[in-house]
């Protein structure tokens, strides 16, 4: 297995873990357990970002093109309208 594949696999695993932490944290009543899981999530977020930076630097990952100000404004406007209607 090549380094690029290993990095991408590891990034995928960390991203999956990060997606799961939110659900677990929001349903945990035990404060000590909740804090432990939050710490685990925070450590994984740092690890994910460092690995992302490495992958990007080595050309293993190419981020999507940045949104224009117009696109950002459209999304903000849609969220504002959705939240106002709730």
PDB file of N, CA and C in Angstrom:
ATOM      1  N   UNK A   1       0.851  -1.178   0.000  1.00  0.00           N
ATOM      2  CA  UNK A   1       0.000   0.000   0.000  1.00  0.00           C
ATOM      3  C   UNK A   1       0.896   1.239   0.000  1.00  0.00           C
ATOM      4  N   UNK A   2       0.558   2.187  -0.812  1.00  0.00           N
ATOM      5  CA  UNK A   2       1.349   3.402  -0.914  1.00  0.00           C
ATOM      6  C   UNK A   2       0.976   4.390   0.188  1.00  0.00           C
ATOM      7  N   UNK A   3       1.916   5.303   0.461  1.00  0.00           N
ATOM      8  CA  UNK A   3       1.704   6.289   1.523  1.00  0.00           C
ATOM      9  C   UNK A   3       0.417   7.088   1.298  1.00  0.00           C
ATOM     10  N   UNK A   4       0.167   7.480   0.066  1.00  0.00           N
ATOM     11  CA  UNK A   4      -1.035   8.261  -0.237  1.00  0.00           C
ATOM     12  C   UNK A   4      -2.292   7.504   0.190  1.00  0.00           C
ATOM     13  N   UNK A   5      -2.351   6.220  -0.111  1.00  0.00           N
ATOM     14  CA  UNK A   5      -3.512   5.408   0.253  1.00  0.00           C
ATOM     15  C   UNK A   5      -3.654   5.292   1.766  1.00  0.00           C
ATOM     16  N   UNK A   6      -2.526   5.118   2.453  1.00  0.00           N
ATOM     17  CA  UNK A   6      -2.568   5.008   3.916  1.00  0.00           C
ATOM     18  C   UNK A   6      -3.051   6.308   4.547  1.00  0.00           C
ATOM     19  N   UNK A   7      -2.556   7.426   4.048  1.00  0.00           N
ATOM     20  CA  UNK A   7      -2.970   8.728   4.580  1.00  0.00           C
ATOM     21  C   UNK A   7      -4.459   8.937   4.346  1.00  0.00           C
ATOM     22  N   UNK A   8      -4.922   8.648   3.134  1.00  0.00           N
ATOM     23  CA  UNK A   8      -6.341   8.835   2.830  1.00  0.00           C
ATOM     24  C   UNK A   8      -7.232   7.904   3.646  1.00  0.00           C
ATOM     25  N   UNK A   9      -6.785   6.653   3.862  1.00  0.00           N
ATOM     26  CA  UNK A   9      -7.552   5.724   4.697  1.00  0.00           C
ATOM     27  C   UNK A   9      -7.637   6.220   6.128  1.00  0.00           C
ATOM     28  N   UNK A  10      -6.506   6.686   6.649  1.00  0.00           N
ATOM     29  CA  UNK A  10      -6.478   7.184   8.027  1.00  0.00           C
ATOM     30  C   UNK A  10      -7.357   8.429   8.169  1.00  0.00           C
ATOM     31  N   UNK A  11      -7.286   9.321   7.195  1.00  0.00           N
ATOM     32  CA  UNK A  11      -8.156  10.506   7.224  1.00  0.00           C
ATOM     33  C   UNK A  11      -9.622  10.096   7.223  1.00  0.00           C
ATOM     34  N   UNK A  12      -9.953   9.119   6.418  1.00  0.00           N
ATOM     35  CA  UNK A  12     -11.332   8.641   6.344  1.00  0.00           C
ATOM     36  C   UNK A  12     -11.788   8.066   7.689  1.00  0.00           C
ATOM     37  N   UNK A  13     -10.916   7.303   8.334  1.00  0.00           N
ATOM     38  CA  UNK A  13     -11.268   6.718   9.639  1.00  0.00           C
ATOM     39  C   UNK A  13     -11.463   7.806  10.697  1.00  0.00           C
ATOM     40  N   UNK A  14     -10.569   8.780  10.724  1.00  0.00           N
ATOM     41  CA  UNK A  14     -10.709   9.865  11.705  1.00  0.00           C
ATOM     42  C   UNK A  14     -11.986  10.647  11.440  1.00  0.00           C
ATOM     43  N   UNK A  15     -12.275  10.932  10.177  1.00  0.00           N
ATOM     44  CA  UNK A  15     -13.497  11.674   9.849  1.00  0.00           C
ATOM     45  C   UNK A  15     -14.741  10.913  10.288  1.00  0.00           C
ATOM     46  N   UNK A  16     -14.734   9.604  10.137  1.00  0.00           N
ATOM     47  CA  UNK A  16     -15.871   8.792  10.596  1.00  0.00           C
ATOM     48  C   UNK A  16     -16.017   8.868  12.107  1.00  0.00           C
ATOM     49  N   UNK A  17     -14.900   8.796  12.808  1.00  0.00           N
ATOM     50  CA  UNK A  17     -14.932   8.912  14.272  1.00  0.00           C
ATOM     51  C   UNK A  17     -15.491  10.267  14.690  1.00  0.00           C
ATOM     52  N   UNK A  18     -15.019  11.322  14.034  1.00  0.00           N
ATOM     53  CA  UNK A  18     -15.484  12.665  14.381  1.00  0.00           C
ATOM     54  C   UNK A  18     -16.989  12.799  14.180  1.00  0.00           C
ATOM     55  N   UNK A  19     -17.498  12.196  13.127  1.00  0.00           N
ATOM     56  CA  UNK A  19     -18.935  12.260  12.865  1.00  0.00           C
ATOM     57  C   UNK A  19     -19.725  11.562  13.967  1.00  0.00           C
ATOM     58  N   UNK A  20     -19.175  10.513  14.530  1.00  0.00           N
ATOM     59  CA  UNK A  20     -19.877   9.771  15.577  1.00  0.00           C
ATOM     60  C   UNK A  20     -19.838  10.412  16.945  1.00  0.00           C
ATOM     61  N   UNK A  21     -18.807  11.182  17.230  1.00  0.00           N
ATOM     62  CA  UNK A  21     -18.676  11.775  18.562  1.00  0.00           C
ATOM     63  C   UNK A  21     -19.865  12.664  18.932  1.00  0.00           C
ATOM     64  N   UNK A  22     -20.359  13.450  17.996  1.00  0.00           N
ATOM     65  CA  UNK A  22     -21.461  14.369  18.293  1.00  0.00           C
ATOM     66  C   UNK A  22     -22.684  13.651  18.834  1.00  0.00           C
ATOM     67  N   UNK A  23     -23.041  12.558  18.200  1.00  0.00           N
ATOM     68  CA  UNK A  23     -24.202  11.790  18.657  1.00  0.00           C
ATOM     69  C   UNK A  23     -23.990  11.193  20.024  1.00  0.00           C
ATOM     70  N   UNK A  24     -22.794  10.692  20.262  1.00  0.00           N
ATOM     71  CA  UNK A  24     -22.498  10.088  21.560  1.00  0.00           C
ATOM     72  C   UNK A  24     -22.502  11.141  22.650  1.00  0.00           C
ATOM     73  N   UNK A  25     -21.841  12.259  22.399  1.00  0.00           N
ATOM     74  CA  UNK A  25     -21.752  13.327  23.403  1.00  0.00           C
ATOM     75  C   UNK A  25     -23.138  13.857  23.759  1.00  0.00           C
ATOM     76  N   UNK A  26     -23.962  14.061  22.759  1.00  0.00           N
ATOM     77  CA  UNK A  26     -25.286  14.644  23.017  1.00  0.00           C
ATOM     78  C   UNK A  26     -26.210  13.706  23.788  1.00  0.00           C
ATOM     79  N   UNK A  27     -25.888  12.412  23.814  1.00  0.00           N
ATOM     80  CA  UNK A  27     -26.750  11.451  24.500  1.00  0.00           C
ATOM     81  C   UNK A  27     -26.141  10.908  25.788  1.00  0.00           C
ATOM     82  N   UNK A  28     -25.013  11.479  26.209  1.00  0.00           N
ATOM     83  CA  UNK A  28     -24.334  10.993  27.405  1.00  0.00           C
ATOM     84  C   UNK A  28     -24.705  11.845  28.606  1.00  0.00           C
ATOM     85  N   UNK A  29     -25.256  11.198  29.603  1.00  0.00           N
ATOM     86  CA  UNK A  29     -25.698  11.898  30.813  1.00  0.00           C
ATOM     87  C   UNK A  29     -24.584  11.987  31.856  1.00  0.00           C
ATOM     88  N   UNK A  30     -23.691  11.017  31.876  1.00  0.00           N
ATOM     89  CA  UNK A  30     -22.603  10.982  32.847  1.00  0.00           C
ATOM     90  C   UNK A  30     -21.577  12.053  32.479  1.00  0.00           C
ATOM     91  N   UNK A  31     -21.392  13.034  33.358  1.00  0.00           N
ATOM     92  CA  UNK A  31     -20.538  14.190  33.057  1.00  0.00           C
ATOM     93  C   UNK A  31     -19.076  13.785  32.824  1.00  0.00           C
ATOM     94  N   UNK A  32     -18.581  12.851  33.622  1.00  0.00           N
ATOM     95  CA  UNK A  32     -17.187  12.427  33.463  1.00  0.00           C
ATOM     96  C   UNK A  32     -16.978  11.726  32.119  1.00  0.00           C
ATOM     97  N   UNK A  33     -17.908  10.863  31.759  1.00  0.00           N
ATOM     98  CA  UNK A  33     -17.828  10.190  30.471  1.00  0.00           C
ATOM     99  C   UNK A  33     -17.947  11.195  29.331  1.00  0.00           C
ATOM    100  N   UNK A  34     -18.855  12.137  29.488  1.00  0.00           N
ATOM    101  CA  UNK A  34     -19.050  13.176  28.467  1.00  0.00           C
ATOM    102  C   UNK A  34     -17.758  13.962  28.238  1.00  0.00           C
ATOM    103  N   UNK A  35     -17.094  14.357  29.322  1.00  0.00           N
ATOM    104  CA  UNK A  35     -15.846  15.110  29.197  1.00  0.00           C
ATOM    105  C   UNK A  35     -14.746  14.273  28.546  1.00  0.00           C
ATOM    106  N   UNK A  36     -14.696  12.992  28.886  1.00  0.00           N
ATOM    107  CA  UNK A  36     -13.701  12.099  28.298  1.00  0.00           C
ATOM    108  C   UNK A  36     -13.910  11.991  26.795  1.00  0.00           C
ATOM    109  N   UNK A  37     -15.144  11.820  26.377  1.00  0.00           N
ATOM    110  CA  UNK A  37     -15.433  11.697  24.942  1.00  0.00           C
ATOM    111  C   UNK A  37     -15.153  13.020  24.226  1.00  0.00           C
ATOM    112  N   UNK A  38     -15.447  14.138  24.872  1.00  0.00           N
ATOM    113  CA  UNK A  38     -15.137  15.437  24.280  1.00  0.00           C
ATOM    114  C   UNK A  38     -13.630  15.602  24.098  1.00  0.00           C
ATOM    115  N   UNK A  39     -12.850  15.141  25.070  1.00  0.00           N
ATOM    116  CA  UNK A  39     -11.390  15.206  24.952  1.00  0.00           C
ATOM    117  C   UNK A  39     -10.905  14.327  23.804  1.00  0.00           C
ATOM    118  N   UNK A  40     -11.494  13.151  23.679  1.00  0.00           N
ATOM    119  CA  UNK A  40     -11.133  12.255  22.577  1.00  0.00           C
ATOM    120  C   UNK A  40     -11.446  12.921  21.235  1.00  0.00           C
ATOM    121  N   UNK A  41     -12.619  13.551  21.161  1.00  0.00           N
ATOM    122  CA  UNK A  41     -12.998  14.245  19.930  1.00  0.00           C
ATOM    123  C   UNK A  41     -12.009  15.365  19.622  1.00  0.00           C
ATOM    124  N   UNK A  42     -11.661  16.151  20.647  1.00  0.00           N
ATOM    125  CA  UNK A  42     -10.732  17.259  20.439  1.00  0.00           C
ATOM    126  C   UNK A  42      -9.373  16.765  19.952  1.00  0.00           C
ATOM    127  N   UNK A  43      -8.889  15.664  20.520  1.00  0.00           N
ATOM    128  CA  UNK A  43      -7.604  15.092  20.094  1.00  0.00           C
ATOM    129  C   UNK A  43      -7.691  14.598  18.651  1.00  0.00           C
ATOM    130  N   UNK A  44      -8.793  13.964  18.301  1.00  0.00           N
ATOM    131  CA  UNK A  44      -8.969  13.498  16.925  1.00  0.00           C
ATOM    132  C   UNK A  44      -9.077  14.666  15.947  1.00  0.00           C
ATOM    133  N   UNK A  45      -9.703  15.765  16.372  1.00  0.00           N
ATOM    134  CA  UNK A  45      -9.790  16.933  15.490  1.00  0.00           C
ATOM    135  C   UNK A  45      -8.400  17.497  15.211  1.00  0.00           C
ATOM    136  N   UNK A  46      -7.559  17.564  16.238  1.00  0.00           N
ATOM    137  CA  UNK A  46      -6.190  18.046  16.047  1.00  0.00           C
ATOM    138  C   UNK A  46      -5.403  17.099  15.137  1.00  0.00           C
ATOM    139  N   UNK A  47      -5.533  15.805  15.382  1.00  0.00           N
ATOM    140  CA  UNK A  47      -4.846  14.791  14.573  1.00  0.00           C
ATOM    141  C   UNK A  47      -5.315  14.865  13.125  1.00  0.00           C
ATOM    142  N   UNK A  48      -6.621  15.013  12.930  1.00  0.00           N
ATOM    143  CA  UNK A  48      -7.181  15.074  11.582  1.00  0.00           C
ATOM    144  C   UNK A  48      -6.643  16.287  10.840  1.00  0.00           C
ATOM    145  N   UNK A  49      -6.577  17.444  11.516  1.00  0.00           N
ATOM    146  CA  UNK A  49      -6.129  18.665  10.856  1.00  0.00           C
ATOM    147  C   UNK A  49      -4.650  18.583  10.477  1.00  0.00           C
ATOM    148  N   UNK A  50      -3.824  18.012  11.366  1.00  0.00           N
ATOM    149  CA  UNK A  50      -2.401  17.853  11.046  1.00  0.00           C
ATOM    150  C   UNK A  50      -2.217  16.919   9.854  1.00  0.00           C
ATOM    151  N   UNK A  51      -2.954  15.825   9.849  1.00  0.00           N
ATOM    152  CA  UNK A  51      -2.855  14.879   8.744  1.00  0.00           C
ATOM    153  C   UNK A  51      -3.381  15.499   7.447  1.00  0.00           C
ATOM    154  N   UNK A  52      -4.460  16.261   7.551  1.00  0.00           N
ATOM    155  CA  UNK A  52      -5.004  16.971   6.384  1.00  0.00           C
ATOM    156  C   UNK A  52      -3.955  17.912   5.801  1.00  0.00           C
ATOM    157  N   UNK A  53      -3.269  18.654   6.682  1.00  0.00           N
ATOM    158  CA  UNK A  53      -2.243  19.595   6.212  1.00  0.00           C
ATOM    159  C   UNK A  53      -1.115  18.848   5.492  1.00  0.00           C
ATOM    160  N   UNK A  54      -0.709  17.707   6.044  1.00  0.00           N
ATOM    161  CA  UNK A  54       0.336  16.900   5.421  1.00  0.00           C
ATOM    162  C   UNK A  54      -0.123  16.385   4.060  1.00  0.00           C
ATOM    163  N   UNK A  55      -1.348  15.863   3.998  1.00  0.00           N
ATOM    164  CA  UNK A  55      -1.888  15.331   2.745  1.00  0.00           C
ATOM    165  C   UNK A  55      -1.980  16.433   1.687  1.00  0.00           C
ATOM    166  N   UNK A  56      -2.409  17.588   2.103  1.00  0.00           N
ATOM    167  CA  UNK A  56      -2.538  18.717   1.166  1.00  0.00           C
ATOM    168  C   UNK A  56      -1.156  19.139   0.659  1.00  0.00           C
ATOM    169  N   UNK A  57      -0.196  19.224   1.571  1.00  0.00           N
ATOM    170  CA  UNK A  57       1.159  19.636   1.207  1.00  0.00           C
ATOM    171  C   UNK A  57       1.804  18.658   0.223  1.00  0.00           C
ATOM    172  N   UNK A  58       1.559  17.363   0.415  1.00  0.00           N
ATOM    173  CA  UNK A  58       2.152  16.347  -0.456  1.00  0.00           C
ATOM    174  C   UNK A  58       1.362  16.130  -1.737  1.00  0.00           C
ATOM    175  N   UNK A  59       0.249  16.823  -1.872  1.00  0.00           N
ATOM    176  CA  UNK A  59      -0.561  16.691  -3.076  1.00  0.00           C
ATOM    177  C   UNK A  59      -1.474  15.479  -3.066  1.00  0.00           C
ATOM    178  N   UNK A  60      -1.675  14.868  -1.885  1.00  0.00           N
ATOM    179  CA  UNK A  60      -2.555  13.704  -1.773  1.00  0.00           C
ATOM    180  C   UNK A  60      -4.017  14.122  -1.708  1.00  0.00           C
ATOM    181  N   UNK A  61      -4.235  15.372  -1.361  1.00  0.00           N
ATOM    182  CA  UNK A  61      -5.599  15.859  -1.200  1.00  0.00           C
ATOM    183  C   UNK A  61      -5.695  17.228  -1.830  1.00  0.00           C
ATOM    184  N   UNK A  62      -6.675  17.414  -2.627  1.00  0.00           N
ATOM    185  CA  UNK A  62      -6.910  18.721  -3.242  1.00  0.00           C
ATOM    186  C   UNK A  62      -8.257  19.233  -2.758  1.00  0.00           C
ATOM    187  N   UNK A  63      -8.246  20.302  -1.949  1.00  0.00           N
ATOM    188  CA  UNK A  63      -9.513  20.826  -1.430  1.00  0.00           C
ATOM    189  C   UNK A  63     -10.380  21.399  -2.546  1.00  0.00           C
ATOM    190  N   UNK A  64     -11.650  21.459  -2.269  1.00  0.00           N
ATOM    191  CA  UNK A  64     -12.591  22.044  -3.228  1.00  0.00           C
ATOM    192  C   UNK A  64     -12.263  23.530  -3.415  1.00  0.00           C
ATOM    193  N   UNK A  65     -12.664  24.044  -4.541  1.00  0.00           N
ATOM    194  CA  UNK A  65     -12.455  25.459  -4.816  1.00  0.00           C
ATOM    195  C   UNK A  65     -13.211  26.288  -3.784  1.00  0.00           C
ATOM    196  N   UNK A  66     -12.604  27.372  -3.331  1.00  0.00           N
ATOM    197  CA  UNK A  66     -13.245  28.206  -2.321  1.00  0.00           C
ATOM    198  C   UNK A  66     -14.497  28.872  -2.889  1.00  0.00           C
ATOM    199  N   UNK A  67     -15.480  29.010  -2.013  1.00  0.00           N
ATOM    200  CA  UNK A  67     -16.743  29.648  -2.404  1.00  0.00           C
ATOM    201  C   UNK A  67     -16.524  31.142  -2.627  1.00  0.00           C
ATOM    202  N   UNK A  68     -17.297  31.689  -3.550  1.00  0.00           N
ATOM    203  CA  UNK A  68     -17.248  33.134  -3.787  1.00  0.00           C
ATOM    204  C   UNK A  68     -18.057  33.847  -2.703  1.00  0.00           C
ATOM    205  N   UNK A  69     -17.862  35.133  -2.583  1.00  0.00           N
ATOM    206  CA  UNK A  69     -18.633  35.908  -1.610  1.00  0.00           C
ATOM    207  C   UNK A  69     -20.124  35.828  -1.918  1.00  0.00           C
ATOM    208  N   UNK A  70     -20.461  35.787  -3.184  1.00  0.00           N
ATOM    209  CA  UNK A  70     -21.862  35.672  -3.581  1.00  0.00           C
ATOM    210  C   UNK A  70     -22.460  34.342  -3.103  1.00  0.00           C
ATOM    211  N   UNK A  71     -21.721  33.261  -3.279  1.00  0.00           N
ATOM    212  CA  UNK A  71     -22.192  31.945  -2.828  1.00  0.00           C
ATOM    213  C   UNK A  71     -22.333  31.899  -1.304  1.00  0.00           C
ATOM    214  N   UNK A  72     -21.382  32.480  -0.613  1.00  0.00           N
ATOM    215  CA  UNK A  72     -21.444  32.535   0.850  1.00  0.00           C
ATOM    216  C   UNK A  72     -22.673  33.329   1.290  1.00  0.00           C
ATOM    217  N   UNK A  73     -22.918  34.458   0.632  1.00  0.00           N
ATOM    218  CA  UNK A  73     -24.081  35.274   0.946  1.00  0.00           C
ATOM    219  C   UNK A  73     -25.386  34.530   0.723  1.00  0.00           C
ATOM    220  N   UNK A  74     -25.464  33.759  -0.350  1.00  0.00           N
ATOM    221  CA  UNK A  74     -26.662  32.981  -0.644  1.00  0.00           C
ATOM    222  C   UNK A  74     -26.934  31.962   0.461  1.00  0.00           C
ATOM    223  N   UNK A  75     -25.902  31.247   0.885  1.00  0.00           N
ATOM    224  CA  UNK A  75     -26.066  30.242   1.938  1.00  0.00           C
ATOM    225  C   UNK A  75     -26.467  30.902   3.250  1.00  0.00           C
ATOM    226  N   UNK A  76     -25.815  32.008   3.593  1.00  0.00           N
ATOM    227  CA  UNK A  76     -26.168  32.735   4.822  1.00  0.00           C
ATOM    228  C   UNK A  76     -27.627  33.174   4.786  1.00  0.00           C
ATOM    229  N   UNK A  77     -28.034  33.671   3.666  1.00  0.00           N
ATOM    230  CA  UNK A  77     -29.404  34.142   3.514  1.00  0.00           C
ATOM    231  C   UNK A  77     -30.394  32.995   3.675  1.00  0.00           C
ATOM    232  N   UNK A  78     -30.088  31.838   3.094  1.00  0.00           N
ATOM    233  CA  UNK A  78     -30.977  30.680   3.219  1.00  0.00           C
ATOM    234  C   UNK A  78     -31.087  30.218   4.667  1.00  0.00           C
ATOM    235  N   UNK A  79     -29.959  30.179   5.383  1.00  0.00           N
ATOM    236  CA  UNK A  79     -29.988  29.775   6.785  1.00  0.00           C
ATOM    237  C   UNK A  79     -30.735  30.789   7.641  1.00  0.00           C
ATOM    238  N   UNK A  80     -30.560  32.058   7.334  1.00  0.00           N
ATOM    239  CA  UNK A  80     -31.260  33.098   8.085  1.00  0.00           C
ATOM    240  C   UNK A  80     -32.760  32.971   7.904  1.00  0.00           C
ATOM    241  N   UNK A  81     -33.191  32.722   6.672  1.00  0.00           N
ATOM    242  CA  UNK A  81     -34.619  32.574   6.407  1.00  0.00           C
ATOM    243  C   UNK A  81     -35.175  31.313   7.083  1.00  0.00           C
ATOM    244  N   UNK A  82     -34.403  30.217   7.061  1.00  0.00           N
ATOM    245  CA  UNK A  82     -34.849  28.975   7.692  1.00  0.00           C
ATOM    246  C   UNK A  82     -34.979  29.141   9.197  1.00  0.00           C
ATOM    247  N   UNK A  83     -34.009  29.798   9.805  1.00  0.00           N
ATOM    248  CA  UNK A  83     -34.039  29.979  11.261  1.00  0.00           C
ATOM    249  C   UNK A  83     -35.121  30.970  11.674  1.00  0.00           C
ATOM    250  N   UNK A  84     -35.416  31.938  10.826  1.00  0.00           N
ATOM    251  CA  UNK A  84     -36.459  32.912  11.145  1.00  0.00           C
ATOM    252  C   UNK A  84     -37.840  32.276  11.107  1.00  0.00           C
ATOM    253  N   UNK A  85     -38.008  31.243  10.291  1.00  0.00           N
ATOM    254  CA  UNK A  85     -39.313  30.602  10.158  1.00  0.00           C
ATOM    255  C   UNK A  85     -39.576  29.575  11.252  1.00  0.00           C
ATOM    256  N   UNK A  86     -38.597  29.293  12.075  1.00  0.00           N
ATOM    257  CA  UNK A  86     -38.776  28.278  13.150  1.00  0.00           C
ATOM    258  C   UNK A  86     -39.334  28.874  14.400  1.00  0.00           C
TER     259      UNK A  86
END
